[in-house]
Amino acid sequence: SKNMAKTDSGLALSSENRQIANIESVSKLNWYALYTQPRAEKRVKEKLEMNGVECYLPLHRSPRVWSDRVKMVDIPLFNSYIFVKCKDADILQMNRISGVVRTVFYDGKPAKIRQDEIDAIRLFIEEASGKTLCKGDEVEILTGSMKRRSGKIIKIKKKYIMLHIQQL
């Protein structure tokens, strides 16, 4: 019984079974978040993929206005963040990749992100990608002095949208 050890769940494991359990936990792939340099997310994604690392960079299409034109561009949903799927033992090695600032930590350990959270982000991107704003749509203002107020779209122009905001 001296070769037995208790697990977190209270089960006793022999040294042989402990080794098997450790091998399984080391070889299991988890999702993690990496914090990147500003506007380096796409470059980091390319480097990670060239190194054989599975990664996910959620992008959304957004209009960008220049003095002479408006262009739709794919921009990261989360500025300066990219998700990677790798073994626990490999996550800190990702910090060596040019453009990666650091691994995101939670409670003193690299923050693991559940698969269902990644799936929820993918579903959101998929559902939102086909959505265009139309006259009569109810929208919420996200930034500025009118933050968190909602209104109905009454006019859509190239450079602005006019809303009707109900007063109290």
C-alpha atoms as a PDB file:
ATOM      1  CA  SER A   1       0.000   0.000   0.000  1.00  0.00           C
ATOM      2  CA  LYS A   2       3.067   2.293   0.147  1.00  0.00           C
ATOM      3  CA  ASN A   3       3.049   2.484  -3.697  1.00  0.00           C
ATOM      4  CA  MET A   4      -0.511   3.864  -3.690  1.00  0.00           C
ATOM      5  CA  ALA A   5      -1.359   7.561  -4.008  1.00  0.00           C
ATOM      6  CA  LYS A   6      -4.688   9.360  -3.762  1.00  0.00           C
ATOM      7  CA  THR A   7      -5.968  11.465  -6.665  1.00  0.00           C
ATOM      8  CA  ASP A   8      -7.955  14.697  -6.367  1.00  0.00           C
ATOM      9  CA  SER A   9     -11.132  12.630  -6.499  1.00  0.00           C
ATOM     10  CA  GLY A  10      -9.957  10.404  -3.624  1.00  0.00           C
ATOM     11  CA  LEU A  11      -9.176   7.319  -5.728  1.00  0.00           C
ATOM     12  CA  ALA A  12      -6.043   5.372  -4.839  1.00  0.00           C
ATOM     13  CA  LEU A  13      -3.724   4.729  -7.813  1.00  0.00           C
ATOM     14  CA  SER A  14      -0.733   2.425  -8.014  1.00  0.00           C
ATOM     15  CA  SER A  15       2.536   3.936  -9.269  1.00  0.00           C
ATOM     16  CA  GLU A  16       1.956   2.279 -12.677  1.00  0.00           C
ATOM     17  CA  ASN A  17      -1.552   3.765 -12.972  1.00  0.00           C
ATOM     18  CA  ARG A  18      -0.225   7.154 -11.797  1.00  0.00           C
ATOM     19  CA  GLN A  19       2.272   7.118 -14.667  1.00  0.00           C
ATOM     20  CA  ILE A  20      -0.508   6.319 -17.156  1.00  0.00           C
ATOM     21  CA  ALA A  21      -2.684   9.110 -15.706  1.00  0.00           C
ATOM     22  CA  ASN A  22       0.211  11.584 -15.942  1.00  0.00           C
ATOM     23  CA  ILE A  23       0.934  10.614 -19.565  1.00  0.00           C
ATOM     24  CA  GLU A  24      -2.741  11.092 -20.483  1.00  0.00           C
ATOM     25  CA  SER A  25      -2.929  14.523 -18.830  1.00  0.00           C
ATOM     26  CA  VAL A  26       0.320  15.647 -20.494  1.00  0.00           C
ATOM     27  CA  SER A  27      -0.773  14.485 -23.956  1.00  0.00           C
ATOM     28  CA  LYS A  28      -4.259  16.069 -23.684  1.00  0.00           C
ATOM     29  CA  LEU A  29      -4.690  19.188 -25.795  1.00  0.00           C
ATOM     30  CA  ASN A  30      -6.297  22.274 -24.249  1.00  0.00           C
ATOM     31  CA  TRP A  31      -7.211  25.719 -25.544  1.00  0.00           C
ATOM     32  CA  TYR A  32      -5.252  28.689 -24.156  1.00  0.00           C
ATOM     33  CA  ALA A  33      -5.177  32.422 -24.891  1.00  0.00           C
ATOM     34  CA  LEU A  34      -2.054  34.289 -25.951  1.00  0.00           C
ATOM     35  CA  TYR A  35      -1.716  38.058 -25.667  1.00  0.00           C
ATOM     36  CA  THR A  36      -0.019  39.543 -28.743  1.00  0.00           C
ATOM     37  CA  GLN A  37       1.564  42.823 -29.687  1.00  0.00           C
ATOM     38  CA  PRO A  38      -0.963  45.345 -31.035  1.00  0.00           C
ATOM     39  CA  ARG A  39      -2.172  44.473 -34.547  1.00  0.00           C
ATOM     40  CA  ALA A  40       0.095  41.397 -34.687  1.00  0.00           C
ATOM     41  CA  GLU A  41      -2.637  38.761 -34.361  1.00  0.00           C
ATOM     42  CA  LYS A  42      -2.677  37.656 -38.020  1.00  0.00           C
ATOM     43  CA  ARG A  43       1.140  37.511 -38.198  1.00  0.00           C
ATOM     44  CA  VAL A  44       1.263  35.424 -34.991  1.00  0.00           C
ATOM     45  CA  LYS A  45      -1.414  33.087 -36.394  1.00  0.00           C
ATOM     46  CA  GLU A  46       0.696  32.484 -39.521  1.00  0.00           C
ATOM     47  CA  LYS A  47       3.805  31.717 -37.437  1.00  0.00           C
ATOM     48  CA  LEU A  48       1.893  29.361 -35.140  1.00  0.00           C
ATOM     49  CA  GLU A  49       0.397  27.484 -38.097  1.00  0.00           C
ATOM     50  CA  MET A  50       3.844  27.221 -39.746  1.00  0.00           C
ATOM     51  CA  ASN A  51       5.005  25.541 -36.510  1.00  0.00           C
ATOM     52  CA  GLY A  52       2.092  23.071 -36.656  1.00  0.00           C
ATOM     53  CA  VAL A  53       0.124  24.632 -33.787  1.00  0.00           C
ATOM     54  CA  GLU A  54      -3.664  24.602 -34.028  1.00  0.00           C
ATOM     55  CA  CYS A  55      -4.929  28.119 -33.420  1.00  0.00           C
ATOM     56  CA  TYR A  56      -8.090  30.171 -33.707  1.00  0.00           C
ATOM     57  CA  LEU A  57      -8.272  33.878 -34.458  1.00  0.00           C
ATOM     58  CA  PRO A  58     -11.910  34.993 -34.516  1.00  0.00           C
ATOM     59  CA  LEU A  59     -12.331  37.709 -37.157  1.00  0.00           C
ATOM     60  CA  HIS A  60     -15.264  39.922 -38.074  1.00  0.00           C
ATOM     61  CA  ARG A  61     -15.809  42.178 -41.070  1.00  0.00           C
ATOM     62  CA  SER A  62     -15.860  45.865 -40.287  1.00  0.00           C
ATOM     63  CA  PRO A  63     -15.947  48.993 -42.456  1.00  0.00           C
ATOM     64  CA  ARG A  64     -12.766  51.096 -42.353  1.00  0.00           C
ATOM     65  CA  VAL A  65     -12.962  54.653 -43.630  1.00  0.00           C
ATOM     66  CA  TRP A  66     -10.100  56.316 -45.501  1.00  0.00           C
ATOM     67  CA  SER A  67     -10.239  59.809 -46.960  1.00  0.00           C
ATOM     68  CA  ASP A  68     -11.058  58.469 -50.435  1.00  0.00           C
ATOM     69  CA  ARG A  69     -12.947  55.227 -49.768  1.00  0.00           C
ATOM     70  CA  VAL A  70     -14.616  52.843 -47.341  1.00  0.00           C
ATOM     71  CA  LYS A  71     -13.370  49.257 -47.319  1.00  0.00           C
ATOM     72  CA  MET A  72     -14.607  46.162 -45.475  1.00  0.00           C
ATOM     73  CA  VAL A  73     -11.722  44.497 -43.615  1.00  0.00           C
ATOM     74  CA  ASP A  74     -11.413  41.428 -41.393  1.00  0.00           C
ATOM     75  CA  ILE A  75     -10.369  42.495 -37.904  1.00  0.00           C
ATOM     76  CA  PRO A  76      -9.883  40.407 -34.747  1.00  0.00           C
ATOM     77  CA  LEU A  77     -12.925  40.086 -32.513  1.00  0.00           C
ATOM     78  CA  PHE A  78     -10.609  40.348 -29.477  1.00  0.00           C
ATOM     79  CA  ASN A  79      -7.799  42.859 -30.030  1.00  0.00           C
ATOM     80  CA  SER A  80      -4.338  41.406 -29.245  1.00  0.00           C
ATOM     81  CA  TYR A  81      -5.614  37.897 -28.387  1.00  0.00           C
ATOM     82  CA  ILE A  82      -5.339  34.572 -30.201  1.00  0.00           C
ATOM     83  CA  PHE A  83      -6.374  31.099 -29.039  1.00  0.00           C
ATOM     84  CA  VAL A  84      -4.054  28.086 -29.319  1.00  0.00           C
ATOM     85  CA  LYS A  85      -4.691  24.391 -28.768  1.00  0.00           C
ATOM     86  CA  CYS A  86      -1.684  22.556 -27.364  1.00  0.00           C
ATOM     87  CA  LYS A  87      -0.377  20.349 -24.562  1.00  0.00           C
ATOM     88  CA  ASP A  88       0.012  21.824 -21.077  1.00  0.00           C
ATOM     89  CA  ALA A  89       3.768  21.329 -21.321  1.00  0.00           C
ATOM     90  CA  ASP A  90       3.988  23.308 -24.596  1.00  0.00           C
ATOM     91  CA  ILE A  91       1.997  26.459 -23.783  1.00  0.00           C
ATOM     92  CA  LEU A  92       4.868  28.476 -22.305  1.00  0.00           C
ATOM     93  CA  GLN A  93       6.970  27.731 -25.414  1.00  0.00           C
ATOM     94  CA  MET A  94       4.474  29.848 -27.391  1.00  0.00           C
ATOM     95  CA  ASN A  95       5.887  32.971 -25.684  1.00  0.00           C
ATOM     96  CA  ARG A  96       9.029  32.554 -27.804  1.00  0.00           C
ATOM     97  CA  ILE A  97       7.121  33.207 -31.015  1.00  0.00           C
ATOM     98  CA  SER A  98       7.736  36.691 -32.385  1.00  0.00           C
ATOM     99  CA  GLY A  99       4.700  38.886 -31.751  1.00  0.00           C
ATOM    100  CA  VAL A 100       3.500  36.973 -28.668  1.00  0.00           C
ATOM    101  CA  VAL A 101       3.759  39.104 -25.526  1.00  0.00           C
ATOM    102  CA  ARG A 102       2.677  36.477 -22.993  1.00  0.00           C
ATOM    103  CA  THR A 103       0.426  33.566 -22.151  1.00  0.00           C
ATOM    104  CA  VAL A 104      -2.779  34.605 -20.367  1.00  0.00           C
ATOM    105  CA  PHE A 105      -2.772  33.327 -16.766  1.00  0.00           C
ATOM    106  CA  TYR A 106      -5.591  32.739 -14.295  1.00  0.00           C
ATOM    107  CA  ASP A 107      -5.030  31.829 -10.650  1.00  0.00           C
ATOM    108  CA  GLY A 108      -1.264  31.442 -11.176  1.00  0.00           C
ATOM    109  CA  LYS A 109      -1.554  28.977 -14.096  1.00  0.00           C
ATOM    110  CA  PRO A 110      -2.013  29.336 -17.862  1.00  0.00           C
ATOM    111  CA  ALA A 111      -5.753  29.933 -18.329  1.00  0.00           C
ATOM    112  CA  LYS A 112      -7.460  26.937 -19.951  1.00  0.00           C
ATOM    113  CA  ILE A 113     -10.408  27.746 -22.178  1.00  0.00           C
ATOM    114  CA  ARG A 114     -13.145  25.147 -22.477  1.00  0.00           C
ATOM    115  CA  GLN A 115     -14.019  23.766 -25.922  1.00  0.00           C
ATOM    116  CA  ASP A 116     -17.647  24.886 -25.480  1.00  0.00           C
ATOM    117  CA  GLU A 117     -16.458  28.500 -25.068  1.00  0.00           C
ATOM    118  CA  ILE A 118     -14.473  28.292 -28.326  1.00  0.00           C
ATOM    119  CA  ASP A 119     -17.529  26.719 -30.000  1.00  0.00           C
ATOM    120  CA  ALA A 120     -19.738  29.565 -28.694  1.00  0.00           C
ATOM    121  CA  ILE A 121     -17.370  32.172 -30.204  1.00  0.00           C
ATOM    122  CA  ARG A 122     -17.386  30.293 -33.532  1.00  0.00           C
ATOM    123  CA  LEU A 123     -21.202  30.127 -33.501  1.00  0.00           C
ATOM    124  CA  PHE A 124     -21.472  33.843 -32.694  1.00  0.00           C
ATOM    125  CA  ILE A 125     -19.114  34.745 -35.568  1.00  0.00           C
ATOM    126  CA  GLU A 126     -21.033  32.480 -37.950  1.00  0.00           C
ATOM    127  CA  GLU A 127     -24.425  33.932 -37.002  1.00  0.00           C
ATOM    128  CA  ALA A 128     -23.214  37.554 -36.976  1.00  0.00           C
ATOM    129  CA  SER A 129     -21.284  37.333 -40.277  1.00  0.00           C
ATOM    130  CA  GLY A 130     -24.395  37.356 -42.448  1.00  0.00           C
ATOM    131  CA  LYS A 131     -26.148  40.091 -40.460  1.00  0.00           C
ATOM    132  CA  THR A 132     -26.423  43.522 -42.032  1.00  0.00           C
ATOM    133  CA  LEU A 133     -28.021  46.551 -40.431  1.00  0.00           C
ATOM    134  CA  CYS A 134     -31.367  47.604 -41.867  1.00  0.00           C
ATOM    135  CA  LYS A 135     -33.741  50.493 -41.371  1.00  0.00           C
ATOM    136  CA  GLY A 136     -35.976  49.717 -38.387  1.00  0.00           C
ATOM    137  CA  ASP A 137     -33.422  47.502 -36.584  1.00  0.00           C
ATOM    138  CA  GLU A 138     -33.013  48.070 -32.847  1.00  0.00           C
ATOM    139  CA  VAL A 139     -29.330  48.703 -31.988  1.00  0.00           C
ATOM    140  CA  GLU A 140     -27.312  49.565 -28.894  1.00  0.00           C
ATOM    141  CA  ILE A 141     -24.603  52.238 -28.786  1.00  0.00           C
ATOM    142  CA  LEU A 142     -21.449  50.642 -27.373  1.00  0.00           C
ATOM    143  CA  THR A 143     -19.080  53.601 -26.895  1.00  0.00           C
ATOM    144  CA  GLY A 144     -19.108  57.331 -26.297  1.00  0.00           C
ATOM    145  CA  SER A 145     -21.382  59.601 -24.291  1.00  0.00           C
ATOM    146  CA  MET A 146     -24.504  57.716 -25.451  1.00  0.00           C
ATOM    147  CA  LYS A 147     -23.057  54.345 -24.359  1.00  0.00           C
ATOM    148  CA  ARG A 148     -25.644  51.668 -23.453  1.00  0.00           C
ATOM    149  CA  ARG A 149     -28.536  53.587 -25.014  1.00  0.00           C
ATOM    150  CA  SER A 150     -30.553  51.893 -27.699  1.00  0.00           C
ATOM    151  CA  GLY A 151     -32.492  53.180 -30.636  1.00  0.00           C
ATOM    152  CA  LYS A 152     -34.062  52.298 -33.961  1.00  0.00           C
ATOM    153  CA  ILE A 153     -32.230  52.867 -37.225  1.00  0.00           C
ATOM    154  CA  ILE A 154     -34.066  55.481 -39.293  1.00  0.00           C
ATOM    155  CA  LYS A 155     -31.432  56.249 -41.965  1.00  0.00           C
ATOM    156  CA  ILE A 156     -28.283  54.494 -43.248  1.00  0.00           C
ATOM    157  CA  LYS A 157     -25.654  56.492 -45.133  1.00  0.00           C
ATOM    158  CA  LYS A 158     -22.112  55.571 -46.231  1.00  0.00           C
ATOM    159  CA  LYS A 159     -20.412  57.243 -43.267  1.00  0.00           C
ATOM    160  CA  TYR A 160     -23.100  57.284 -40.601  1.00  0.00           C
ATOM    161  CA  ILE A 161     -26.312  55.760 -39.314  1.00  0.00           C
ATOM    162  CA  MET A 162     -29.124  57.920 -37.921  1.00  0.00           C
ATOM    163  CA  LEU A 163     -30.984  56.564 -34.906  1.00  0.00           C
ATOM    164  CA  HIS A 164     -34.220  57.450 -33.190  1.00  0.00           C
ATOM    165  CA  ILE A 165     -33.542  57.324 -29.445  1.00  0.00           C
ATOM    166  CA  GLN A 166     -36.553  57.330 -27.125  1.00  0.00           C
ATOM    167  CA  GLN A 167     -36.281  59.888 -24.272  1.00  0.00           C
ATOM    168  CA  LEU A 168     -37.536  59.056 -20.786  1.00  0.00           C
END
